[in-house]
N, C-alpha and C. Protein backbone atom coordinates (compact mmCIF):
# COMPACT_ATOMS: atom_id res chain seq x y z
N MET A 1 160.81 -34.10 -69.32
CA MET A 1 159.95 -33.25 -68.56
C MET A 1 160.76 -32.49 -67.51
N LEU A 2 160.49 -31.24 -67.45
CA LEU A 2 161.17 -30.42 -66.48
C LEU A 2 160.31 -30.26 -65.24
N PHE A 3 160.93 -30.37 -64.13
CA PHE A 3 160.22 -30.17 -62.88
C PHE A 3 160.64 -28.83 -62.29
N ARG A 4 159.66 -28.08 -61.92
CA ARG A 4 159.95 -26.80 -61.28
C ARG A 4 159.79 -26.96 -59.78
N PRO A 5 160.58 -26.32 -59.06
CA PRO A 5 160.41 -26.41 -57.61
C PRO A 5 159.16 -25.66 -57.19
N ALA A 6 158.47 -26.17 -56.20
CA ALA A 6 157.23 -25.55 -55.70
C ALA A 6 157.57 -24.21 -55.09
N ARG A 7 156.76 -23.24 -55.41
CA ARG A 7 156.96 -21.91 -54.86
C ARG A 7 156.21 -21.81 -53.53
N SER A 8 156.75 -21.19 -52.65
CA SER A 8 156.07 -20.98 -51.37
C SER A 8 155.26 -19.69 -51.48
N ALA A 9 154.21 -19.62 -50.68
CA ALA A 9 153.35 -18.45 -50.70
C ALA A 9 154.16 -17.25 -50.26
N PRO A 10 153.92 -16.11 -50.89
CA PRO A 10 154.69 -14.93 -50.51
C PRO A 10 154.40 -14.56 -49.06
N GLN A 11 155.39 -14.16 -48.39
CA GLN A 11 155.26 -13.78 -46.99
C GLN A 11 154.69 -12.36 -46.93
N VAL A 12 153.51 -12.24 -46.29
CA VAL A 12 152.87 -10.95 -46.14
C VAL A 12 153.08 -10.51 -44.70
N PRO A 13 153.52 -9.31 -44.52
CA PRO A 13 153.69 -8.85 -43.14
C PRO A 13 152.35 -8.90 -42.39
N VAL A 14 152.40 -9.09 -41.09
CA VAL A 14 151.22 -9.26 -40.26
C VAL A 14 150.29 -8.06 -40.37
N SER A 15 150.79 -6.88 -40.40
CA SER A 15 149.93 -5.70 -40.49
C SER A 15 149.19 -5.67 -41.82
N ASP A 16 149.83 -6.07 -42.91
CA ASP A 16 149.17 -6.13 -44.21
C ASP A 16 148.11 -7.23 -44.25
N ALA A 17 148.37 -8.38 -43.61
CA ALA A 17 147.40 -9.48 -43.56
C ALA A 17 146.15 -9.06 -42.80
N THR A 18 146.31 -8.33 -41.72
CA THR A 18 145.17 -7.87 -40.94
C THR A 18 144.35 -6.87 -41.75
N THR A 19 145.01 -6.02 -42.46
CA THR A 19 144.31 -5.05 -43.31
C THR A 19 143.56 -5.76 -44.42
N ALA A 20 144.18 -6.76 -45.04
CA ALA A 20 143.53 -7.52 -46.10
C ALA A 20 142.31 -8.26 -45.56
N LEU A 21 142.43 -8.83 -44.34
CA LEU A 21 141.32 -9.54 -43.74
C LEU A 21 140.17 -8.59 -43.45
N ARG A 22 140.48 -7.40 -42.93
CA ARG A 22 139.44 -6.42 -42.68
C ARG A 22 138.77 -6.00 -43.99
N PHE A 23 139.57 -5.83 -45.03
CA PHE A 23 139.01 -5.46 -46.34
C PHE A 23 138.07 -6.54 -46.85
N GLU A 24 138.47 -7.83 -46.70
CA GLU A 24 137.62 -8.95 -47.14
C GLU A 24 136.33 -9.00 -46.33
N GLU A 25 136.42 -8.76 -45.02
CA GLU A 25 135.22 -8.76 -44.18
C GLU A 25 134.29 -7.62 -44.59
N GLY A 26 134.83 -6.45 -44.83
CA GLY A 26 134.03 -5.31 -45.28
C GLY A 26 133.39 -5.58 -46.63
N GLU A 27 134.15 -6.20 -47.52
CA GLU A 27 133.62 -6.55 -48.85
C GLU A 27 132.50 -7.58 -48.71
N ALA A 28 132.68 -8.56 -47.82
CA ALA A 28 131.65 -9.58 -47.62
C ALA A 28 130.38 -8.96 -47.06
N GLU A 29 130.51 -8.04 -46.13
CA GLU A 29 129.33 -7.36 -45.59
C GLU A 29 128.62 -6.54 -46.66
N ARG A 30 129.39 -5.87 -47.50
CA ARG A 30 128.80 -5.08 -48.57
C ARG A 30 128.05 -5.97 -49.56
N VAL A 31 128.64 -7.10 -49.90
CA VAL A 31 128.00 -8.04 -50.83
C VAL A 31 126.74 -8.62 -50.19
N GLU A 32 126.80 -8.95 -48.90
CA GLU A 32 125.62 -9.51 -48.22
C GLU A 32 124.50 -8.48 -48.15
N ARG A 33 124.83 -7.21 -47.85
CA ARG A 33 123.81 -6.17 -47.83
C ARG A 33 123.15 -6.00 -49.19
N ALA A 34 123.96 -6.05 -50.25
CA ALA A 34 123.41 -5.93 -51.60
C ALA A 34 122.50 -7.12 -51.92
N ALA A 35 122.90 -8.32 -51.49
CA ALA A 35 122.06 -9.51 -51.72
C ALA A 35 120.75 -9.40 -50.95
N ARG A 36 120.82 -8.93 -49.69
CA ARG A 36 119.60 -8.74 -48.89
C ARG A 36 118.67 -7.73 -49.55
N ARG A 37 119.24 -6.63 -50.00
CA ARG A 37 118.43 -5.59 -50.65
C ARG A 37 117.74 -6.15 -51.89
N SER A 38 118.47 -6.93 -52.67
CA SER A 38 117.90 -7.52 -53.87
C SER A 38 116.78 -8.51 -53.53
N LEU A 39 117.01 -9.36 -52.53
CA LEU A 39 115.99 -10.34 -52.13
C LEU A 39 114.75 -9.64 -51.57
N ARG A 40 114.94 -8.59 -50.77
CA ARG A 40 113.79 -7.87 -50.23
C ARG A 40 112.99 -7.20 -51.34
N ALA A 41 113.67 -6.68 -52.35
CA ALA A 41 112.97 -6.08 -53.49
C ALA A 41 112.17 -7.13 -54.25
N GLN A 42 112.75 -8.31 -54.43
CA GLN A 42 112.03 -9.39 -55.11
C GLN A 42 110.82 -9.84 -54.30
N ILE A 43 110.98 -9.96 -52.99
CA ILE A 43 109.86 -10.36 -52.11
C ILE A 43 108.76 -9.32 -52.16
N THR A 44 109.12 -8.04 -52.16
CA THR A 44 108.13 -6.97 -52.24
C THR A 44 107.35 -7.06 -53.54
N ARG A 45 108.05 -7.27 -54.64
CA ARG A 45 107.39 -7.39 -55.95
C ARG A 45 106.45 -8.59 -55.97
N LEU A 46 106.89 -9.73 -55.43
CA LEU A 46 106.05 -10.93 -55.41
C LEU A 46 104.84 -10.76 -54.52
N GLU A 47 104.99 -10.08 -53.38
CA GLU A 47 103.84 -9.83 -52.51
C GLU A 47 102.83 -8.92 -53.19
N ARG A 48 103.32 -7.93 -53.94
CA ARG A 48 102.41 -7.05 -54.68
C ARG A 48 101.66 -7.85 -55.76
N GLU A 49 102.37 -8.71 -56.47
CA GLU A 49 101.71 -9.54 -57.49
C GLU A 49 100.69 -10.48 -56.86
N LEU A 50 101.03 -11.04 -55.68
CA LEU A 50 100.10 -11.94 -55.00
C LEU A 50 98.86 -11.20 -54.53
N SER A 51 99.02 -9.98 -54.04
CA SER A 51 97.85 -9.21 -53.62
C SER A 51 96.99 -8.84 -54.82
N ASP A 52 97.60 -8.51 -55.95
CA ASP A 52 96.83 -8.25 -57.17
C ASP A 52 96.07 -9.49 -57.62
N ALA A 53 96.72 -10.64 -57.52
CA ALA A 53 96.05 -11.89 -57.89
C ALA A 53 94.89 -12.18 -56.95
N PHE A 54 95.06 -11.89 -55.66
CA PHE A 54 93.99 -12.11 -54.69
C PHE A 54 92.79 -11.24 -55.02
N VAL A 55 93.03 -9.96 -55.35
CA VAL A 55 91.94 -9.05 -55.69
C VAL A 55 91.25 -9.52 -56.97
N THR A 56 92.02 -9.99 -57.93
CA THR A 56 91.44 -10.48 -59.18
C THR A 56 90.60 -11.73 -58.95
N ALA A 57 91.08 -12.63 -58.09
CA ALA A 57 90.40 -13.91 -57.88
C ALA A 57 89.25 -13.81 -56.89
N TYR A 58 89.13 -12.73 -56.15
CA TYR A 58 88.08 -12.64 -55.12
C TYR A 58 86.68 -12.82 -55.70
N PRO A 59 86.30 -12.12 -56.79
CA PRO A 59 84.95 -12.35 -57.32
C PRO A 59 84.76 -13.76 -57.88
N MET A 60 85.85 -14.45 -58.19
CA MET A 60 85.77 -15.80 -58.76
C MET A 60 85.73 -16.87 -57.68
N GLY A 61 85.77 -16.49 -56.43
CA GLY A 61 85.73 -17.48 -55.37
C GLY A 61 86.96 -17.42 -54.48
N GLY A 62 87.87 -16.53 -54.77
CA GLY A 62 89.04 -16.34 -53.92
C GLY A 62 90.12 -17.38 -54.15
N LEU A 63 91.17 -17.25 -53.36
CA LEU A 63 92.30 -18.17 -53.41
C LEU A 63 92.42 -18.89 -52.08
N GLU A 64 93.07 -20.03 -52.10
CA GLU A 64 93.28 -20.73 -50.84
C GLU A 64 94.33 -19.98 -50.03
N GLN A 65 94.09 -19.94 -48.74
CA GLN A 65 94.99 -19.22 -47.85
C GLN A 65 96.10 -20.16 -47.39
N PRO A 66 97.31 -19.64 -47.26
CA PRO A 66 98.42 -20.50 -46.80
C PRO A 66 98.28 -20.79 -45.31
N HIS A 67 98.94 -21.84 -44.89
CA HIS A 67 98.96 -22.17 -43.47
C HIS A 67 99.86 -21.16 -42.77
N SER A 68 99.36 -20.57 -41.71
CA SER A 68 100.17 -19.57 -41.02
C SER A 68 101.12 -20.26 -40.07
N LEU A 69 102.34 -19.79 -40.09
CA LEU A 69 103.35 -20.32 -39.19
C LEU A 69 103.66 -19.25 -38.16
N ALA A 70 103.36 -19.56 -36.92
CA ALA A 70 103.63 -18.59 -35.86
C ALA A 70 105.11 -18.63 -35.51
N GLY A 71 105.72 -17.49 -35.46
CA GLY A 71 107.14 -17.43 -35.13
C GLY A 71 107.47 -16.09 -34.50
N GLN A 72 108.61 -16.02 -33.94
CA GLN A 72 109.07 -14.79 -33.31
C GLN A 72 109.60 -13.85 -34.39
N PRO A 73 109.42 -12.55 -34.22
CA PRO A 73 110.01 -11.61 -35.16
C PRO A 73 111.54 -11.67 -35.06
N ARG A 74 112.18 -11.73 -36.21
CA ARG A 74 113.64 -11.80 -36.23
C ARG A 74 114.14 -11.42 -37.61
N LEU A 75 115.41 -11.19 -37.72
CA LEU A 75 116.04 -10.85 -38.98
C LEU A 75 116.39 -12.15 -39.69
N LEU A 76 115.90 -12.31 -40.90
CA LEU A 76 116.15 -13.54 -41.65
C LEU A 76 117.51 -13.49 -42.32
N ASP A 77 118.19 -14.65 -42.35
CA ASP A 77 119.46 -14.69 -43.06
C ASP A 77 119.19 -14.89 -44.56
N LEU A 78 120.24 -14.92 -45.35
CA LEU A 78 120.06 -14.99 -46.81
C LEU A 78 119.33 -16.26 -47.25
N GLY A 79 119.62 -17.38 -46.63
CA GLY A 79 118.97 -18.64 -46.99
C GLY A 79 117.47 -18.59 -46.71
N GLU A 80 117.10 -18.02 -45.56
CA GLU A 80 115.68 -17.92 -45.22
C GLU A 80 114.96 -16.93 -46.13
N LEU A 81 115.64 -15.84 -46.49
CA LEU A 81 115.04 -14.89 -47.44
C LEU A 81 114.80 -15.56 -48.79
N GLU A 82 115.74 -16.38 -49.22
CA GLU A 82 115.57 -17.10 -50.49
C GLU A 82 114.40 -18.07 -50.40
N CYS A 83 114.24 -18.73 -49.25
CA CYS A 83 113.10 -19.65 -49.07
C CYS A 83 111.78 -18.89 -49.13
N VAL A 84 111.72 -17.71 -48.48
CA VAL A 84 110.51 -16.89 -48.51
C VAL A 84 110.20 -16.47 -49.95
N ARG A 85 111.24 -16.04 -50.67
CA ARG A 85 111.05 -15.62 -52.06
C ARG A 85 110.53 -16.78 -52.92
N ASP A 86 111.14 -17.97 -52.76
CA ASP A 86 110.73 -19.12 -53.56
C ASP A 86 109.30 -19.54 -53.24
N GLU A 87 108.92 -19.48 -51.94
CA GLU A 87 107.56 -19.85 -51.55
C GLU A 87 106.56 -18.85 -52.12
N LEU A 88 106.89 -17.57 -52.09
CA LEU A 88 106.00 -16.55 -52.67
C LEU A 88 105.88 -16.73 -54.18
N ALA A 89 106.98 -17.04 -54.84
CA ALA A 89 106.93 -17.26 -56.30
C ALA A 89 106.02 -18.45 -56.63
N GLY A 90 106.09 -19.51 -55.82
CA GLY A 90 105.20 -20.65 -56.03
C GLY A 90 103.74 -20.29 -55.81
N ARG A 91 103.46 -19.48 -54.77
CA ARG A 91 102.08 -19.07 -54.51
C ARG A 91 101.54 -18.19 -55.64
N VAL A 92 102.38 -17.29 -56.17
CA VAL A 92 101.95 -16.44 -57.28
C VAL A 92 101.65 -17.30 -58.51
N ARG A 93 102.50 -18.29 -58.78
CA ARG A 93 102.28 -19.17 -59.93
C ARG A 93 100.97 -19.95 -59.77
N ARG A 94 100.74 -20.51 -58.57
CA ARG A 94 99.49 -21.26 -58.34
C ARG A 94 98.27 -20.34 -58.43
N ALA A 95 98.39 -19.12 -57.95
CA ALA A 95 97.27 -18.17 -58.02
C ALA A 95 96.95 -17.85 -59.48
N ARG A 96 97.97 -17.64 -60.29
CA ARG A 96 97.73 -17.35 -61.71
C ARG A 96 97.09 -18.54 -62.41
N GLU A 97 97.53 -19.75 -62.06
CA GLU A 97 96.91 -20.95 -62.66
C GLU A 97 95.44 -21.05 -62.27
N THR A 98 95.13 -20.79 -61.01
CA THR A 98 93.74 -20.85 -60.54
C THR A 98 92.88 -19.82 -61.27
N ILE A 99 93.39 -18.60 -61.39
CA ILE A 99 92.65 -17.55 -62.08
C ILE A 99 92.43 -17.92 -63.54
N THR A 100 93.44 -18.46 -64.19
CA THR A 100 93.30 -18.86 -65.59
C THR A 100 92.27 -19.96 -65.76
N GLU A 101 92.32 -20.97 -64.89
CA GLU A 101 91.34 -22.07 -64.97
C GLU A 101 89.92 -21.55 -64.79
N ARG A 102 89.71 -20.70 -63.78
CA ARG A 102 88.37 -20.18 -63.52
C ARG A 102 87.89 -19.29 -64.66
N ALA A 103 88.80 -18.50 -65.24
CA ALA A 103 88.41 -17.65 -66.37
C ALA A 103 88.03 -18.51 -67.58
N ASP A 104 88.73 -19.61 -67.79
CA ASP A 104 88.38 -20.51 -68.89
C ASP A 104 87.00 -21.13 -68.68
N VAL A 105 86.71 -21.54 -67.45
CA VAL A 105 85.39 -22.12 -67.15
C VAL A 105 84.30 -21.07 -67.38
N GLN A 106 84.52 -19.84 -66.93
CA GLN A 106 83.53 -18.79 -67.12
C GLN A 106 83.33 -18.49 -68.60
N GLU A 107 84.40 -18.52 -69.37
CA GLU A 107 84.28 -18.27 -70.82
C GLU A 107 83.45 -19.37 -71.48
N ARG A 108 83.67 -20.62 -71.08
CA ARG A 108 82.87 -21.73 -71.64
C ARG A 108 81.40 -21.58 -71.27
N LYS A 109 81.11 -21.16 -70.03
CA LYS A 109 79.72 -20.95 -69.61
C LYS A 109 79.08 -19.80 -70.38
N ARG A 110 79.83 -18.73 -70.64
CA ARG A 110 79.28 -17.61 -71.42
C ARG A 110 78.95 -18.06 -72.84
N LEU A 111 79.82 -18.87 -73.42
CA LEU A 111 79.57 -19.39 -74.76
C LEU A 111 78.33 -20.28 -74.76
N ALA A 112 78.19 -21.12 -73.72
CA ALA A 112 77.01 -21.97 -73.62
C ALA A 112 75.75 -21.12 -73.48
N LEU A 113 75.81 -20.03 -72.73
CA LEU A 113 74.65 -19.14 -72.60
C LEU A 113 74.28 -18.52 -73.94
N GLU A 114 75.27 -18.08 -74.69
CA GLU A 114 75.00 -17.51 -76.01
C GLU A 114 74.31 -18.54 -76.91
N LEU A 115 74.79 -19.78 -76.87
CA LEU A 115 74.16 -20.83 -77.68
C LEU A 115 72.74 -21.11 -77.20
N MET A 116 72.52 -21.07 -75.89
CA MET A 116 71.17 -21.27 -75.35
C MET A 116 70.24 -20.16 -75.84
N LEU A 117 70.74 -18.93 -75.86
CA LEU A 117 69.91 -17.81 -76.30
C LEU A 117 69.60 -17.90 -77.79
N LEU A 118 70.53 -18.42 -78.58
CA LEU A 118 70.31 -18.53 -80.02
C LEU A 118 69.34 -19.66 -80.37
N ASP A 119 69.44 -20.79 -79.67
CA ASP A 119 68.58 -21.93 -79.98
C ASP A 119 68.14 -22.62 -78.69
N PRO A 120 67.12 -22.07 -78.00
CA PRO A 120 66.71 -22.65 -76.72
C PRO A 120 66.20 -24.08 -76.83
N GLY A 121 65.60 -24.43 -77.95
CA GLY A 121 65.03 -25.77 -78.10
C GLY A 121 66.08 -26.87 -78.05
N SER A 122 67.31 -26.57 -78.38
CA SER A 122 68.38 -27.57 -78.34
C SER A 122 68.96 -27.75 -76.95
N TYR A 123 68.62 -26.86 -76.03
CA TYR A 123 69.18 -26.90 -74.67
C TYR A 123 68.07 -26.96 -73.64
N ARG A 124 67.12 -27.86 -73.80
CA ARG A 124 65.96 -27.95 -72.93
C ARG A 124 66.36 -28.18 -71.48
N PHE A 125 65.81 -27.35 -70.60
CA PHE A 125 66.00 -27.41 -69.15
C PHE A 125 67.45 -27.19 -68.70
N ALA A 126 68.27 -26.61 -69.56
CA ALA A 126 69.66 -26.30 -69.16
C ALA A 126 69.64 -25.11 -68.21
N ARG A 127 70.59 -25.10 -67.26
CA ARG A 127 70.67 -24.03 -66.26
C ARG A 127 72.12 -23.56 -66.15
N ILE A 128 72.29 -22.24 -66.10
CA ILE A 128 73.60 -21.65 -65.85
C ILE A 128 73.40 -20.52 -64.85
N SER A 129 74.08 -20.61 -63.72
CA SER A 129 73.92 -19.57 -62.70
C SER A 129 74.81 -18.37 -63.02
N ARG A 130 74.43 -17.23 -62.46
CA ARG A 130 75.22 -16.02 -62.66
C ARG A 130 76.60 -16.18 -62.02
N HIS A 131 76.68 -16.94 -60.95
CA HIS A 131 77.96 -17.19 -60.30
C HIS A 131 78.91 -17.92 -61.25
N GLU A 132 78.39 -18.89 -62.01
CA GLU A 132 79.21 -19.62 -62.98
C GLU A 132 79.72 -18.70 -64.09
N LEU A 133 78.97 -17.63 -64.37
CA LEU A 133 79.38 -16.67 -65.39
C LEU A 133 80.33 -15.62 -64.86
N GLY A 134 80.53 -15.60 -63.54
CA GLY A 134 81.39 -14.60 -62.93
C GLY A 134 80.67 -13.30 -62.66
N GLU A 135 79.35 -13.33 -62.65
CA GLU A 135 78.55 -12.13 -62.41
C GLU A 135 78.05 -12.13 -60.97
N PRO A 136 77.85 -10.96 -60.39
CA PRO A 136 77.33 -10.92 -59.02
C PRO A 136 75.84 -11.27 -59.01
N GLY A 137 75.36 -11.72 -57.89
CA GLY A 137 73.94 -12.02 -57.74
C GLY A 137 73.68 -13.51 -57.73
N CYS A 138 72.40 -13.83 -57.53
CA CYS A 138 72.01 -15.23 -57.37
C CYS A 138 71.16 -15.75 -58.51
N GLY A 139 70.97 -14.99 -59.55
CA GLY A 139 70.09 -15.41 -60.63
C GLY A 139 70.59 -16.63 -61.37
N VAL A 140 69.65 -17.30 -62.07
CA VAL A 140 69.97 -18.49 -62.86
C VAL A 140 69.30 -18.35 -64.22
N TRP A 141 70.10 -18.50 -65.28
CA TRP A 141 69.55 -18.55 -66.62
C TRP A 141 69.12 -19.99 -66.86
N GLN A 142 67.88 -20.19 -67.30
CA GLN A 142 67.43 -21.54 -67.58
C GLN A 142 66.48 -21.56 -68.77
N VAL A 143 66.52 -22.68 -69.49
CA VAL A 143 65.64 -22.87 -70.64
C VAL A 143 64.39 -23.58 -70.14
N ARG A 144 63.22 -22.95 -70.44
CA ARG A 144 61.94 -23.49 -69.97
C ARG A 144 60.94 -23.44 -71.10
N PRO A 145 59.91 -24.28 -71.03
CA PRO A 145 58.86 -24.18 -72.04
C PRO A 145 58.05 -22.89 -71.84
N ARG A 146 57.60 -22.30 -72.93
CA ARG A 146 56.93 -21.00 -72.86
C ARG A 146 55.60 -21.07 -72.11
N LEU A 147 54.76 -22.02 -72.37
CA LEU A 147 53.46 -22.10 -71.71
C LEU A 147 53.29 -23.43 -70.98
N GLY A 148 54.31 -23.83 -70.26
CA GLY A 148 54.21 -25.07 -69.49
C GLY A 148 54.16 -26.29 -70.38
N LEU A 149 53.20 -27.17 -70.10
CA LEU A 149 53.08 -28.43 -70.83
C LEU A 149 52.74 -28.19 -72.30
N ILE A 150 51.90 -27.22 -72.57
CA ILE A 150 51.54 -26.91 -73.96
C ILE A 150 52.79 -26.47 -74.73
N GLY A 151 53.61 -25.63 -74.12
CA GLY A 151 54.84 -25.18 -74.76
C GLY A 151 55.81 -26.31 -75.00
N MET A 152 55.85 -27.27 -74.06
CA MET A 152 56.73 -28.43 -74.26
C MET A 152 56.26 -29.24 -75.46
N LEU A 153 54.95 -29.47 -75.55
CA LEU A 153 54.43 -30.27 -76.66
C LEU A 153 54.57 -29.56 -78.00
N MET A 154 54.45 -28.24 -77.99
CA MET A 154 54.53 -27.47 -79.24
C MET A 154 55.97 -27.09 -79.60
N GLY A 155 56.92 -27.28 -78.66
CA GLY A 155 58.31 -26.93 -78.94
C GLY A 155 58.60 -25.45 -78.77
N TRP A 156 57.85 -24.79 -77.89
CA TRP A 156 58.06 -23.36 -77.63
C TRP A 156 58.95 -23.23 -76.40
N TRP A 157 60.20 -22.99 -76.61
CA TRP A 157 61.17 -22.90 -75.52
C TRP A 157 61.70 -21.48 -75.42
N GLN A 158 62.00 -21.06 -74.19
CA GLN A 158 62.53 -19.72 -73.96
C GLN A 158 63.61 -19.79 -72.88
N VAL A 159 64.48 -18.80 -72.90
CA VAL A 159 65.51 -18.68 -71.87
C VAL A 159 65.07 -17.59 -70.91
N LYS A 160 65.01 -17.92 -69.63
CA LYS A 160 64.58 -16.95 -68.62
C LYS A 160 65.67 -16.81 -67.56
N LEU A 161 65.74 -15.61 -67.02
CA LEU A 161 66.63 -15.33 -65.90
C LEU A 161 65.76 -15.27 -64.66
N SER A 162 66.11 -16.09 -63.66
CA SER A 162 65.31 -16.09 -62.43
C SER A 162 65.46 -14.75 -61.73
N SER A 163 64.55 -14.48 -60.81
CA SER A 163 64.49 -13.17 -60.17
C SER A 163 65.65 -12.92 -59.22
N GLY A 164 66.37 -13.92 -58.80
CA GLY A 164 67.52 -13.67 -57.94
C GLY A 164 67.49 -14.47 -56.67
N CYS A 165 68.10 -13.91 -55.65
CA CYS A 165 68.28 -14.61 -54.37
C CYS A 165 66.95 -14.75 -53.63
N PRO A 166 66.77 -15.86 -52.95
CA PRO A 166 65.59 -15.98 -52.09
C PRO A 166 65.74 -15.07 -50.88
N LEU A 167 64.65 -14.82 -50.21
CA LEU A 167 64.71 -13.99 -49.01
C LEU A 167 65.53 -14.68 -47.93
N ALA A 168 66.15 -13.87 -47.10
CA ALA A 168 66.99 -14.43 -46.04
C ALA A 168 66.16 -15.29 -45.09
N GLN A 169 64.95 -14.82 -44.78
CA GLN A 169 64.07 -15.62 -43.94
C GLN A 169 62.76 -15.74 -44.71
N GLY A 170 62.61 -16.88 -45.35
CA GLY A 170 61.44 -17.09 -46.19
C GLY A 170 60.15 -17.14 -45.40
N ARG A 171 59.07 -17.18 -46.12
CA ARG A 171 57.74 -17.18 -45.50
C ARG A 171 57.52 -18.43 -44.66
N CYS A 172 58.02 -19.56 -45.13
CA CYS A 172 57.85 -20.81 -44.39
C CYS A 172 58.56 -20.75 -43.05
N LEU A 173 59.75 -20.13 -43.01
CA LEU A 173 60.47 -20.02 -41.75
C LEU A 173 59.72 -19.13 -40.76
N ALA A 174 59.13 -18.04 -41.27
CA ALA A 174 58.38 -17.15 -40.39
C ALA A 174 57.16 -17.86 -39.81
N VAL A 175 56.45 -18.64 -40.64
CA VAL A 175 55.28 -19.40 -40.17
C VAL A 175 55.72 -20.45 -39.15
N ALA A 176 56.84 -21.12 -39.42
CA ALA A 176 57.33 -22.14 -38.49
C ALA A 176 57.73 -21.50 -37.16
N ALA A 177 58.32 -20.31 -37.20
CA ALA A 177 58.71 -19.63 -35.96
C ALA A 177 57.47 -19.25 -35.15
N ARG A 178 56.43 -18.75 -35.86
CA ARG A 178 55.20 -18.40 -35.15
C ARG A 178 54.55 -19.62 -34.55
N SER A 179 54.53 -20.72 -35.30
CA SER A 179 53.87 -21.91 -34.79
C SER A 179 54.69 -22.51 -33.64
N ALA A 180 56.02 -22.38 -33.70
CA ALA A 180 56.85 -22.90 -32.61
C ALA A 180 56.62 -22.08 -31.34
N SER A 181 56.50 -20.75 -31.48
CA SER A 181 56.25 -19.93 -30.29
C SER A 181 54.84 -20.20 -29.76
N GLY A 182 53.88 -20.40 -30.66
CA GLY A 182 52.52 -20.73 -30.22
C GLY A 182 52.48 -22.07 -29.51
N LEU A 183 53.24 -23.03 -30.01
CA LEU A 183 53.32 -24.35 -29.38
C LEU A 183 53.93 -24.24 -27.99
N ALA A 184 54.95 -23.39 -27.85
CA ALA A 184 55.58 -23.20 -26.54
C ALA A 184 54.60 -22.57 -25.56
N LYS A 185 53.80 -21.60 -26.02
CA LYS A 185 52.80 -20.97 -25.14
C LYS A 185 51.74 -21.99 -24.73
N TRP A 186 51.30 -22.82 -25.68
CA TRP A 186 50.31 -23.84 -25.38
C TRP A 186 50.85 -24.82 -24.35
N ALA A 187 52.12 -25.23 -24.50
CA ALA A 187 52.74 -26.17 -23.55
C ALA A 187 52.85 -25.54 -22.18
N ALA A 188 53.15 -24.24 -22.11
CA ALA A 188 53.26 -23.55 -20.83
C ALA A 188 51.90 -23.48 -20.15
N ARG A 189 50.81 -23.23 -20.92
CA ARG A 189 49.46 -23.17 -20.34
C ARG A 189 49.06 -24.55 -19.82
N GLU A 190 49.38 -25.59 -20.58
CA GLU A 190 49.00 -26.94 -20.16
C GLU A 190 49.70 -27.35 -18.88
N SER A 191 50.98 -26.96 -18.78
CA SER A 191 51.72 -27.36 -17.57
C SER A 191 51.29 -26.55 -16.34
N SER A 192 50.78 -25.34 -16.55
CA SER A 192 50.35 -24.52 -15.40
C SER A 192 48.98 -24.96 -14.92
N GLY A 193 48.29 -25.76 -15.67
CA GLY A 193 47.01 -26.28 -15.23
C GLY A 193 45.80 -25.49 -15.67
N TRP A 194 45.88 -24.75 -16.66
CA TRP A 194 44.74 -23.99 -17.17
C TRP A 194 43.74 -24.90 -17.69
């Protein structure tokens, strides 16, 4: 075996070393700027996808909101930008999973409604709300006997859509409010000695 003597590092004049160091620093800054630009573009794309997912999921019940972290405005370093990007990617993935699950549930409910409409007698007293179908409003599709007890005994079943949302202040609440105000007036008369 031949042994070669160790070579020493070439001697670079001090002025050339300083120039090389400046070149490396400039190159590092250029690479870091390019990495920042790339990460900001990825974050922008993920935020756009998350906002699209939020708009899509809103009629289905919306998405869960993240916990807000209060912090001072500052310039994030590369590691923090990567953490923001990864957190956004996770939120977009969870949002898509939620939307897919809710769409599957709505599709199953639509299929059940179609079966109810085809054969109401097999789905006696079944109820499916418009909300479960992904439709706006408060109505409920339900299978009911056509003529009450006679329809139940004869097997005459029908699917009906309820009229919708109840009134914001129903009749019973208005009567209770009037009776409560009347009771207050009566109590005031009794205490004054009438």
